[in-house]
C-alpha atoms as a PDB file:
ATOM      1  CA  MET A   1       0.883  27.134 -18.186  1.00  0.00           C
ATOM      2  CA  SER A   2       0.419  25.280 -14.907  1.00  0.00           C
ATOM      3  CA  GLU A   3      -1.783  28.139 -13.677  1.00  0.00           C
ATOM      4  CA  ILE A   4      -4.010  27.755 -16.735  1.00  0.00           C
ATOM      5  CA  LEU A   5      -4.376  24.010 -16.194  1.00  0.00           C
ATOM      6  CA  GLN A   6      -5.186  24.620 -12.563  1.00  0.00           C
ATOM      7  CA  LEU A   7      -7.993  26.953 -13.540  1.00  0.00           C
ATOM      8  CA  VAL A   8      -9.508  24.299 -15.752  1.00  0.00           C
ATOM      9  CA  ASP A   9      -9.097  21.458 -13.275  1.00  0.00           C
ATOM     10  CA  SER A  10     -10.708  23.459 -10.502  1.00  0.00           C
ATOM     11  CA  LYS A  11     -13.829  23.806 -12.693  1.00  0.00           C
ATOM     12  CA  ASN A  12     -14.512  27.294 -11.346  1.00  0.00           C
ATOM     13  CA  GLU A  13     -16.290  28.017 -14.607  1.00  0.00           C
ATOM     14  CA  THR A  14     -14.741  29.031 -17.850  1.00  0.00           C
ATOM     15  CA  ASN A  15     -14.791  32.795 -18.255  1.00  0.00           C
ATOM     16  CA  CYS A  16     -11.162  32.891 -17.137  1.00  0.00           C
ATOM     17  CA  LEU A  17     -10.217  30.525 -19.952  1.00  0.00           C
ATOM     18  CA  ILE A  18     -11.733  32.774 -22.608  1.00  0.00           C
ATOM     19  CA  ALA A  19      -9.941  35.775 -21.175  1.00  0.00           C
ATOM     20  CA  LEU A  20      -6.607  33.953 -21.252  1.00  0.00           C
ATOM     21  CA  PHE A  21      -6.927  32.850 -24.881  1.00  0.00           C
ATOM     22  CA  CYS A  22      -8.588  35.828 -26.563  1.00  0.00           C
ATOM     23  CA  PRO A  23      -8.038  37.302 -29.021  1.00  0.00           C
ATOM     24  CA  ILE A  24      -7.572  34.418 -31.440  1.00  0.00           C
ATOM     25  CA  GLN A  25      -4.365  35.920 -32.804  1.00  0.00           C
ATOM     26  CA  ALA A  26      -2.802  35.380 -29.393  1.00  0.00           C
ATOM     27  CA  THR A  27      -3.993  31.777 -29.446  1.00  0.00           C
ATOM     28  CA  ALA A  28      -2.319  31.054 -32.754  1.00  0.00           C
ATOM     29  CA  THR A  29       0.892  32.816 -31.707  1.00  0.00           C
ATOM     30  CA  HIS A  30       1.466  31.760 -28.113  1.00  0.00           C
ATOM     31  CA  VAL A  31      -0.448  28.556 -27.540  1.00  0.00           C
ATOM     32  CA  GLN A  32      -0.024  25.419 -29.585  1.00  0.00           C
ATOM     33  CA  GLU A  33      -3.229  23.863 -30.866  1.00  0.00           C
ATOM     34  CA  GLU A  34      -2.493  20.571 -29.112  1.00  0.00           C
ATOM     35  CA  VAL A  35      -2.134  22.316 -25.740  1.00  0.00           C
ATOM     36  CA  LEU A  36      -5.396  24.206 -26.231  1.00  0.00           C
ATOM     37  CA  MET A  37      -7.075  20.956 -27.259  1.00  0.00           C
ATOM     38  CA  ASP A  38      -5.815  19.232 -24.122  1.00  0.00           C
ATOM     39  CA  ILE A  39      -7.211  21.991 -21.922  1.00  0.00           C
ATOM     40  CA  LEU A  40     -10.587  22.044 -23.636  1.00  0.00           C
ATOM     41  CA  SER A  41     -10.866  18.262 -23.435  1.00  0.00           C
ATOM     42  CA  ARG A  42     -11.089  18.586 -19.643  1.00  0.00           C
ATOM     43  CA  LEU A  43     -14.194  20.757 -19.730  1.00  0.00           C
ATOM     44  CA  PRO A  44     -17.838  19.645 -19.542  1.00  0.00           C
ATOM     45  CA  VAL A  45     -19.878  19.502 -22.732  1.00  0.00           C
ATOM     46  CA  GLN A  46     -22.041  22.458 -21.724  1.00  0.00           C
ATOM     47  CA  SER A  47     -18.955  24.695 -21.592  1.00  0.00           C
ATOM     48  CA  LEU A  48     -17.716  23.454 -24.965  1.00  0.00           C
ATOM     49  CA  LEU A  49     -21.053  24.293 -26.561  1.00  0.00           C
ATOM     50  CA  ARG A  50     -20.624  27.900 -25.407  1.00  0.00           C
ATOM     51  CA  PHE A  51     -16.997  28.003 -26.511  1.00  0.00           C
ATOM     52  CA  LYS A  52     -17.966  27.120 -30.091  1.00  0.00           C
ATOM     53  CA  CYS A  53     -19.183  30.722 -30.359  1.00  0.00           C
ATOM     54  CA  VAL A  54     -15.806  32.232 -29.415  1.00  0.00           C
ATOM     55  CA  SER A  55     -14.454  32.043 -32.967  1.00  0.00           C
ATOM     56  CA  LYS A  56     -14.416  29.965 -36.135  1.00  0.00           C
ATOM     57  CA  PHE A  57     -11.067  28.509 -35.043  1.00  0.00           C
ATOM     58  CA  TRP A  58     -12.467  27.241 -31.733  1.00  0.00           C
ATOM     59  CA  ASN A  59     -15.636  25.979 -33.417  1.00  0.00           C
ATOM     60  CA  THR A  60     -13.595  23.989 -35.951  1.00  0.00           C
ATOM     61  CA  LEU A  61     -11.321  22.647 -33.232  1.00  0.00           C
ATOM     62  CA  ILE A  62     -14.179  21.441 -31.028  1.00  0.00           C
ATOM     63  CA  LEU A  63     -15.931  19.762 -33.971  1.00  0.00           C
ATOM     64  CA  GLU A  64     -12.852  17.807 -35.078  1.00  0.00           C
ATOM     65  CA  PRO A  65     -13.283  14.003 -34.734  1.00  0.00           C
ATOM     66  CA  TYR A  66      -9.877  13.766 -33.039  1.00  0.00           C
ATOM     67  CA  PHE A  67     -10.927  16.262 -30.373  1.00  0.00           C
ATOM     68  CA  LYS A  68     -14.270  14.523 -29.825  1.00  0.00           C
ATOM     69  CA  MET A  69     -12.489  11.207 -29.222  1.00  0.00           C
ATOM     70  CA  LYS A  70      -9.963  12.882 -26.913  1.00  0.00           C
ATOM     71  CA  HIS A  71     -12.770  14.488 -24.901  1.00  0.00           C
ATOM     72  CA  LEU A  72     -14.656  11.159 -24.738  1.00  0.00           C
ATOM     73  CA  ASN A  73     -11.599   9.234 -23.506  1.00  0.00           C
ATOM     74  CA  HIS A  74     -10.956  11.844 -20.827  1.00  0.00           C
ATOM     75  CA  ALA A  75     -14.595  11.681 -19.684  1.00  0.00           C
ATOM     76  CA  LYS A  76     -14.455   7.861 -19.470  1.00  0.00           C
ATOM     77  CA  ASN A  77     -11.545   8.097 -17.038  1.00  0.00           C
ATOM     78  CA  ASP A  78     -13.145  10.867 -14.952  1.00  0.00           C
ATOM     79  CA  GLN A  79     -15.478   9.448 -12.313  1.00  0.00           C
ATOM     80  CA  ASP A  80     -17.171  12.815 -11.875  1.00  0.00           C
ATOM     81  CA  SER A  81     -18.250  12.656 -15.535  1.00  0.00           C
ATOM     82  CA  GLN A  82     -19.983   9.270 -15.184  1.00  0.00           C
ATOM     83  CA  LYS A  83     -23.779   9.550 -15.036  1.00  0.00           C
ATOM     84  CA  PHE A  84     -26.946   7.453 -14.966  1.00  0.00           C
ATOM     85  CA  LEU A  85     -29.824   8.136 -17.352  1.00  0.00           C
ATOM     86  CA  ILE A  86     -33.133   7.369 -15.639  1.00  0.00           C
ATOM     87  CA  ASN A  87     -36.507   7.119 -17.347  1.00  0.00           C
ATOM     88  CA  HIS A  88     -39.332   7.995 -14.936  1.00  0.00           C
ATOM     89  CA  MET A  89     -43.098   8.256 -15.386  1.00  0.00           C
ATOM     90  CA  CYS A  90     -44.905  10.887 -13.340  1.00  0.00           C
ATOM     91  CA  PRO A  91     -47.957   9.237 -11.665  1.00  0.00           C
ATOM     92  CA  LYS A  92     -49.978  12.459 -11.855  1.00  0.00           C
ATOM     93  CA  ASP A  93     -50.099  12.842 -15.630  1.00  0.00           C
ATOM     94  CA  ASN A  94     -48.488   9.569 -16.859  1.00  0.00           C
ATOM     95  CA  ILE A  95     -45.869  11.589 -18.748  1.00  0.00           C
ATOM     96  CA  PHE A  96     -42.307  10.274 -19.000  1.00  0.00           C
ATOM     97  CA  SER A  97     -39.300  12.399 -18.037  1.00  0.00           C
ATOM     98  CA  MET A  98     -35.563  11.787 -18.251  1.00  0.00           C
ATOM     99  CA  TYR A  99     -33.164  12.452 -15.395  1.00  0.00           C
ATOM    100  CA  CYS A 100     -29.361  12.635 -15.508  1.00  0.00           C
ATOM    101  CA  VAL A 101     -27.948  11.404 -12.194  1.00  0.00           C
ATOM    102  CA  PRO A 102     -24.241  11.547 -11.221  1.00  0.00           C
ATOM    103  CA  LEU A 103     -22.656   8.151 -10.666  1.00  0.00           C
ATOM    104  CA  SER A 104     -20.142   9.510  -8.155  1.00  0.00           C
ATOM    105  CA  SER A 105     -21.288   9.323  -4.532  1.00  0.00           C
ATOM    106  CA  VAL A 106     -19.572  12.631  -3.732  1.00  0.00           C
ATOM    107  CA  GLN A 107     -21.756  14.583  -6.170  1.00  0.00           C
ATOM    108  CA  PRO A 108     -24.530  16.577  -4.411  1.00  0.00           C
ATOM    109  CA  VAL A 109     -28.203  15.859  -5.038  1.00  0.00           C
ATOM    110  CA  GLU A 110     -28.474  19.270  -6.706  1.00  0.00           C
ATOM    111  CA  LYS A 111     -26.456  17.885  -9.630  1.00  0.00           C
ATOM    112  CA  VAL A 112     -29.432  15.767 -10.735  1.00  0.00           C
ATOM    113  CA  GLN A 113     -30.735  17.217 -14.004  1.00  0.00           C
ATOM    114  CA  LYS A 114     -34.191  16.843 -15.486  1.00  0.00           C
ATOM    115  CA  LEU A 115     -33.948  16.514 -19.267  1.00  0.00           C
ATOM    116  CA  ASP A 116     -36.637  17.286 -21.793  1.00  0.00           C
ATOM    117  CA  CYS A 117     -37.562  14.269 -23.865  1.00  0.00           C
ATOM    118  CA  PRO A 118     -36.383  14.852 -27.473  1.00  0.00           C
ATOM    119  CA  SER A 119     -39.887  14.762 -28.899  1.00  0.00           C
ATOM    120  CA  ASN A 120     -42.428  17.340 -29.977  1.00  0.00           C
ATOM    121  CA  LEU A 121     -44.976  15.509 -27.851  1.00  0.00           C
ATOM    122  CA  LYS A 122     -45.221  14.858 -24.139  1.00  0.00           C
ATOM    123  CA  PRO A 123     -44.857  11.093 -24.351  1.00  0.00           C
ATOM    124  CA  TRP A 124     -46.912   8.789 -22.186  1.00  0.00           C
ATOM    125  CA  ARG A 125     -44.398   6.111 -23.088  1.00  0.00           C
ATOM    126  CA  CYS A 126     -40.677   6.325 -23.722  1.00  0.00           C
ATOM    127  CA  THR A 127     -38.260   3.406 -23.948  1.00  0.00           C
ATOM    128  CA  ILE A 128     -34.483   3.474 -23.527  1.00  0.00           C
ATOM    129  CA  HIS A 129     -33.220   0.687 -25.803  1.00  0.00           C
ATOM    130  CA  CYS A 130     -29.410   0.942 -25.717  1.00  0.00           C
ATOM    131  CA  TYR A 131     -26.504   3.318 -25.166  1.00  0.00           C
ATOM    132  CA  CYS A 132     -22.801   3.782 -25.897  1.00  0.00           C
ATOM    133  CA  ASP A 133     -20.307   6.621 -25.334  1.00  0.00           C
ATOM    134  CA  GLY A 134     -22.969   9.037 -24.126  1.00  0.00           C
ATOM    135  CA  LEU A 135     -25.321   8.295 -27.042  1.00  0.00           C
ATOM    136  CA  VAL A 136     -28.733   6.733 -26.401  1.00  0.00           C
ATOM    137  CA  VAL A 137     -31.264   5.030 -28.661  1.00  0.00           C
ATOM    138  CA  ILE A 138     -34.790   5.736 -27.427  1.00  0.00           C
ATOM    139  CA  GLU A 139     -38.281   5.052 -28.735  1.00  0.00           C
ATOM    140  CA  VAL A 140     -40.996   7.722 -28.500  1.00  0.00           C
ATOM    141  CA  PRO A 141     -44.512   8.150 -29.949  1.00  0.00           C
ATOM    142  CA  ASP A 142     -44.670   9.486 -33.475  1.00  0.00           C
ATOM    143  CA  ASN A 143     -48.095  11.131 -33.320  1.00  0.00           C
ATOM    144  CA  LEU A 144     -50.742  12.398 -30.952  1.00  0.00           C
ATOM    145  CA  ASP A 145     -52.660   9.133 -30.728  1.00  0.00           C
ATOM    146  CA  ASN A 146     -49.454   7.256 -29.788  1.00  0.00           C
ATOM    147  CA  GLU A 147     -50.278   4.403 -32.164  1.00  0.00           C
ATOM    148  CA  SER A 148     -46.904   4.460 -33.911  1.00  0.00           C
ATOM    149  CA  SER A 149     -43.429   5.221 -32.672  1.00  0.00           C
ATOM    150  CA  ILE A 150     -40.014   6.283 -33.928  1.00  0.00           C
ATOM    151  CA  LEU A 151     -36.439   5.529 -32.909  1.00  0.00           C
ATOM    152  CA  LEU A 152     -34.175   8.439 -31.999  1.00  0.00           C
ATOM    153  CA  LEU A 153     -30.426   8.576 -31.500  1.00  0.00           C
ATOM    154  CA  TRP A 154     -30.083  11.101 -28.687  1.00  0.00           C
ATOM    155  CA  ASN A 155     -27.155  12.869 -27.050  1.00  0.00           C
ATOM    156  CA  PRO A 156     -28.407  13.971 -23.590  1.00  0.00           C
ATOM    157  CA  SER A 157     -25.376  16.216 -23.063  1.00  0.00           C
ATOM    158  CA  THR A 158     -25.852  18.324 -26.188  1.00  0.00           C
ATOM    159  CA  ARG A 159     -29.664  17.755 -26.387  1.00  0.00           C
ATOM    160  CA  GLU A 160     -29.222  16.854 -30.073  1.00  0.00           C
ATOM    161  CA  SER A 161     -31.222  14.002 -31.581  1.00  0.00           C
ATOM    162  CA  LEU A 162     -31.454  12.189 -34.902  1.00  0.00           C
ATOM    163  CA  VAL A 163     -34.476  10.303 -36.255  1.00  0.00           C
ATOM    164  CA  LEU A 164     -33.379   6.791 -37.242  1.00  0.00           C
ATOM    165  CA  PRO A 165     -34.749   4.969 -40.311  1.00  0.00           C
ATOM    166  CA  PRO A 166     -37.674   2.599 -39.668  1.00  0.00           C
ATOM    167  CA  LEU A 167     -36.742  -1.003 -38.947  1.00  0.00           C
ATOM    168  CA  GLU A 168     -36.902  -3.337 -41.934  1.00  0.00           C
ATOM    169  CA  PHE A 169     -38.245  -6.094 -39.687  1.00  0.00           C
ATOM    170  CA  PRO A 170     -40.865  -4.771 -37.234  1.00  0.00           C
ATOM    171  CA  PRO A 171     -40.083  -5.693 -33.606  1.00  0.00           C
ATOM    172  CA  GLU A 172     -42.821  -8.321 -33.312  1.00  0.00           C
ATOM    173  CA  GLY A 173     -42.609 -10.348 -30.121  1.00  0.00           C
ATOM    174  CA  ASP A 174     -39.384  -9.960 -28.170  1.00  0.00           C
ATOM    175  CA  SER A 175     -36.544  -8.048 -29.829  1.00  0.00           C
ATOM    176  CA  ARG A 176     -33.465  -6.126 -28.700  1.00  0.00           C
ATOM    177  CA  LEU A 177     -31.270  -3.292 -29.946  1.00  0.00           C
ATOM    178  CA  GLY A 178     -27.581  -2.739 -29.298  1.00  0.00           C
ATOM    179  CA  LEU A 179     -25.411   0.317 -29.973  1.00  0.00           C
ATOM    180  CA  GLY A 180     -21.638   0.067 -30.361  1.00  0.00           C
ATOM    181  CA  TYR A 181     -18.592   1.822 -31.801  1.00  0.00           C
ATOM    182  CA  ASP A 182     -16.541   0.171 -34.544  1.00  0.00           C
ATOM    183  CA  SER A 183     -12.966   1.437 -34.198  1.00  0.00           C
ATOM    184  CA  THR A 184     -12.020  -0.148 -37.536  1.00  0.00           C
ATOM    185  CA  SER A 185     -14.397   2.005 -39.568  1.00  0.00           C
ATOM    186  CA  GLY A 186     -14.744   4.804 -37.007  1.00  0.00           C
ATOM    187  CA  GLU A 187     -18.533   4.463 -37.109  1.00  0.00           C
ATOM    188  CA  TYR A 188     -21.327   3.742 -34.663  1.00  0.00           C
ATOM    189  CA  LYS A 189     -23.567   0.793 -35.512  1.00  0.00           C
ATOM    190  CA  ILE A 190     -26.933  -0.386 -34.203  1.00  0.00           C
ATOM    191  CA  LEU A 191     -27.858  -4.083 -34.177  1.00  0.00           C
ATOM    192  CA  HIS A 192     -31.463  -5.326 -34.069  1.00  0.00           C
ATOM    193  CA  ILE A 193     -32.168  -8.989 -33.271  1.00  0.00           C
ATOM    194  CA  ARG A 194     -35.366 -10.878 -32.551  1.00  0.00           C
ATOM    195  CA  ASP A 195     -36.194 -13.782 -30.274  1.00  0.00           C
ATOM    196  CA  GLY A 196     -36.022 -17.244 -31.841  1.00  0.00           C
ATOM    197  CA  LEU A 197     -37.849 -19.347 -29.250  1.00  0.00           C
ATOM    198  CA  GLY A 198     -40.634 -20.019 -31.742  1.00  0.00           C
ATOM    199  CA  GLY A 199     -38.296 -22.284 -33.683  1.00  0.00           C
ATOM    200  CA  CYS A 200     -38.252 -20.251 -36.877  1.00  0.00           C
ATOM    201  CA  LYS A 201     -35.200 -18.511 -38.265  1.00  0.00           C
ATOM    202  CA  LEU A 202     -35.661 -14.831 -37.532  1.00  0.00           C
ATOM    203  CA  PRO A 203     -33.593 -12.261 -39.417  1.00  0.00           C
ATOM    204  CA  SER A 204     -31.338  -9.673 -37.827  1.00  0.00           C
ATOM    205  CA  GLU A 205     -30.434  -6.284 -39.204  1.00  0.00           C
ATOM    206  CA  ILE A 206     -27.760  -3.666 -38.674  1.00  0.00           C
ATOM    207  CA  LEU A 207     -27.629   0.076 -39.206  1.00  0.00           C
ATOM    208  CA  THR A 208     -24.432   2.013 -39.841  1.00  0.00           C
ATOM    209  CA  LEU A 209     -25.198   5.606 -38.890  1.00  0.00           C
ATOM    210  CA  LYS A 210     -23.341   6.999 -41.883  1.00  0.00           C
ATOM    211  CA  GLY A 211     -25.045   4.475 -44.168  1.00  0.00           C
ATOM    212  CA  GLY A 212     -28.566   5.663 -43.479  1.00  0.00           C
ATOM    213  CA  SER A 213     -30.491   2.379 -43.917  1.00  0.00           C
ATOM    214  CA  TRP A 214     -30.860  -1.012 -42.246  1.00  0.00           C
ATOM    215  CA  ARG A 215     -29.159  -4.038 -43.809  1.00  0.00           C
ATOM    216  CA  SER A 216     -30.261  -7.630 -43.301  1.00  0.00           C
ATOM    217  CA  ILE A 217     -27.795 -10.093 -41.733  1.00  0.00           C
ATOM    218  CA  ASP A 218     -28.295 -13.567 -43.150  1.00  0.00           C
ATOM    219  CA  GLU A 219     -25.284 -15.344 -41.627  1.00  0.00           C
ATOM    220  CA  HIS A 220     -26.192 -16.967 -38.297  1.00  0.00           C
ATOM    221  CA  PRO A 221     -24.792 -19.891 -36.297  1.00  0.00           C
ATOM    222  CA  ARG A 222     -26.811 -22.982 -37.201  1.00  0.00           C
ATOM    223  CA  GLY A 223     -28.955 -24.940 -34.813  1.00  0.00           C
ATOM    224  CA  ILE A 224     -29.461 -22.276 -32.158  1.00  0.00           C
ATOM    225  CA  CYS A 225     -32.445 -20.307 -30.871  1.00  0.00           C
ATOM    226  CA  THR A 226     -31.903 -16.802 -29.512  1.00  0.00           C
ATOM    227  CA  VAL A 227     -33.126 -16.170 -25.954  1.00  0.00           C
ATOM    228  CA  LEU A 228     -33.656 -12.512 -25.074  1.00  0.00           C
ATOM    229  CA  LEU A 229     -35.465 -12.804 -21.749  1.00  0.00           C
ATOM    230  CA  GLY A 230     -33.912 -10.548 -19.096  1.00  0.00           C
ATOM    231  CA  MET A 231     -31.521  -8.849 -21.533  1.00  0.00           C
ATOM    232  CA  GLN A 232     -31.864  -5.106 -22.081  1.00  0.00           C
ATOM    233  CA  PRO A 233     -29.845  -3.869 -23.856  1.00  0.00           C
ATOM    234  CA  LEU A 234     -27.461  -6.203 -25.713  1.00  0.00           C
ATOM    235  CA  PRO A 235     -24.119  -6.307 -23.840  1.00  0.00           C
ATOM    236  CA  PHE A 236     -21.308  -4.756 -25.883  1.00  0.00           C
ATOM    237  CA  VAL A 237     -17.798  -5.987 -24.947  1.00  0.00           C
ATOM    238  CA  HIS A 238     -14.579  -5.913 -27.011  1.00  0.00           C
ATOM    239  CA  GLU A 239     -16.427  -4.448 -29.991  1.00  0.00           C
ATOM    240  CA  ALA A 240     -18.922  -7.312 -30.107  1.00  0.00           C
ATOM    241  CA  PHE A 241     -22.541  -7.731 -29.026  1.00  0.00           C
ATOM    242  CA  HIS A 242     -23.400 -10.751 -26.892  1.00  0.00           C
ATOM    243  CA  TRP A 243     -26.579 -12.641 -26.052  1.00  0.00           C
ATOM    244  CA  ILE A 244     -27.771 -16.042 -24.847  1.00  0.00           C
ATOM    245  CA  ALA A 245     -29.060 -18.793 -27.146  1.00  0.00           C
ATOM    246  CA  ILE A 246     -30.050 -22.439 -26.894  1.00  0.00           C
ATOM    247  CA  LEU A 247     -28.077 -25.041 -28.842  1.00  0.00           C
ATOM    248  CA  LYS A 248     -30.826 -27.385 -30.055  1.00  0.00           C
ATOM    249  CA  LYS A 249     -28.646 -30.453 -30.617  1.00  0.00           C
ATOM    250  CA  LEU A 250     -27.086 -30.521 -27.159  1.00  0.00           C
ATOM    251  CA  LYS A 251     -29.986 -28.741 -25.412  1.00  0.00           C
ATOM    252  CA  CYS A 252     -27.636 -26.376 -23.626  1.00  0.00           C
ATOM    253  CA  PHE A 253     -27.088 -22.642 -23.436  1.00  0.00           C
ATOM    254  CA  VAL A 254     -24.426 -20.905 -25.502  1.00  0.00           C
ATOM    255  CA  VAL A 255     -23.151 -17.341 -25.698  1.00  0.00           C
ATOM    256  CA  VAL A 256     -23.489 -15.779 -29.142  1.00  0.00           C
ATOM    257  CA  SER A 257     -21.196 -12.900 -30.089  1.00  0.00           C
ATOM    258  CA  PHE A 258     -21.515 -10.592 -33.070  1.00  0.00           C
ATOM    259  CA  SER A 259     -18.456  -8.599 -34.153  1.00  0.00           C
ATOM    260  CA  ILE A 260     -19.430  -5.195 -35.524  1.00  0.00           C
ATOM    261  CA  SER A 261     -16.210  -4.808 -37.496  1.00  0.00           C
ATOM    262  CA  ASN A 262     -16.598  -7.869 -39.761  1.00  0.00           C
ATOM    263  CA  GLU A 263     -20.301  -8.441 -38.931  1.00  0.00           C
ATOM    264  CA  VAL A 264     -19.849 -12.146 -38.207  1.00  0.00           C
ATOM    265  CA  CYS A 265     -21.595 -14.255 -35.539  1.00  0.00           C
ATOM    266  CA  SER A 266     -19.954 -16.967 -33.452  1.00  0.00           C
ATOM    267  CA  SER A 267     -21.088 -19.076 -30.478  1.00  0.00           C
ATOM    268  CA  ASN A 268     -19.351 -20.560 -27.468  1.00  0.00           C
ATOM    269  CA  VAL A 269     -20.501 -22.877 -24.692  1.00  0.00           C
ATOM    270  CA  PRO A 270     -20.032 -21.115 -21.311  1.00  0.00           C
END
């Protein structure tokens, strides 16, 4: 078994792994599912996408929520798996392109990947709003004249994307989006807030990906105005979004936090 693990850790591609575990009858007989899952969790996403075609058993295993979380936790602790996502506009044609850049300084320049924007159009504008656990919320044009736009939840590793429902409150003025994972419900949620410097009470809304529609959030700390200048995206720490606001009564800055598990806001003076 140590030889098998060594093959995986060396990352000398994955044909050897298929040869060791095929046919599937041998997998079920000689290798425990947990051991196979541990080995597969060390592989890059591109290899796992190919391995889904090995058999129904492997496809089911790779699609299990437990395996996905195990693979994610392993990637978070692997510096070679950490990457930047860069949005760049080509000056020649004013078309945006995405680039995946390794975070590790030991990775060669050749590891930089150019990604196709998940849109049927070649966008002359593309905005990265927020990100979490390898998922990204981006905004791209919805039609050829670029007058309207749509929000997409995009996985750059698998190249899969999902069109998000339109916002209930259009992002007039300054607004921000935040993406976070709620471990209590096991769901990803997206928060949309708007700037409150105009003095009026502006609504916020939240989208639970499994819910399929935005919900208004009416509970807000009283007497504060949200300040979104210089914040993109909303910081997400300890399963709560954070942003700066002004406490009108004391005329001082406060930090507002929004817990995605109970969907409650609170404020604290720094």
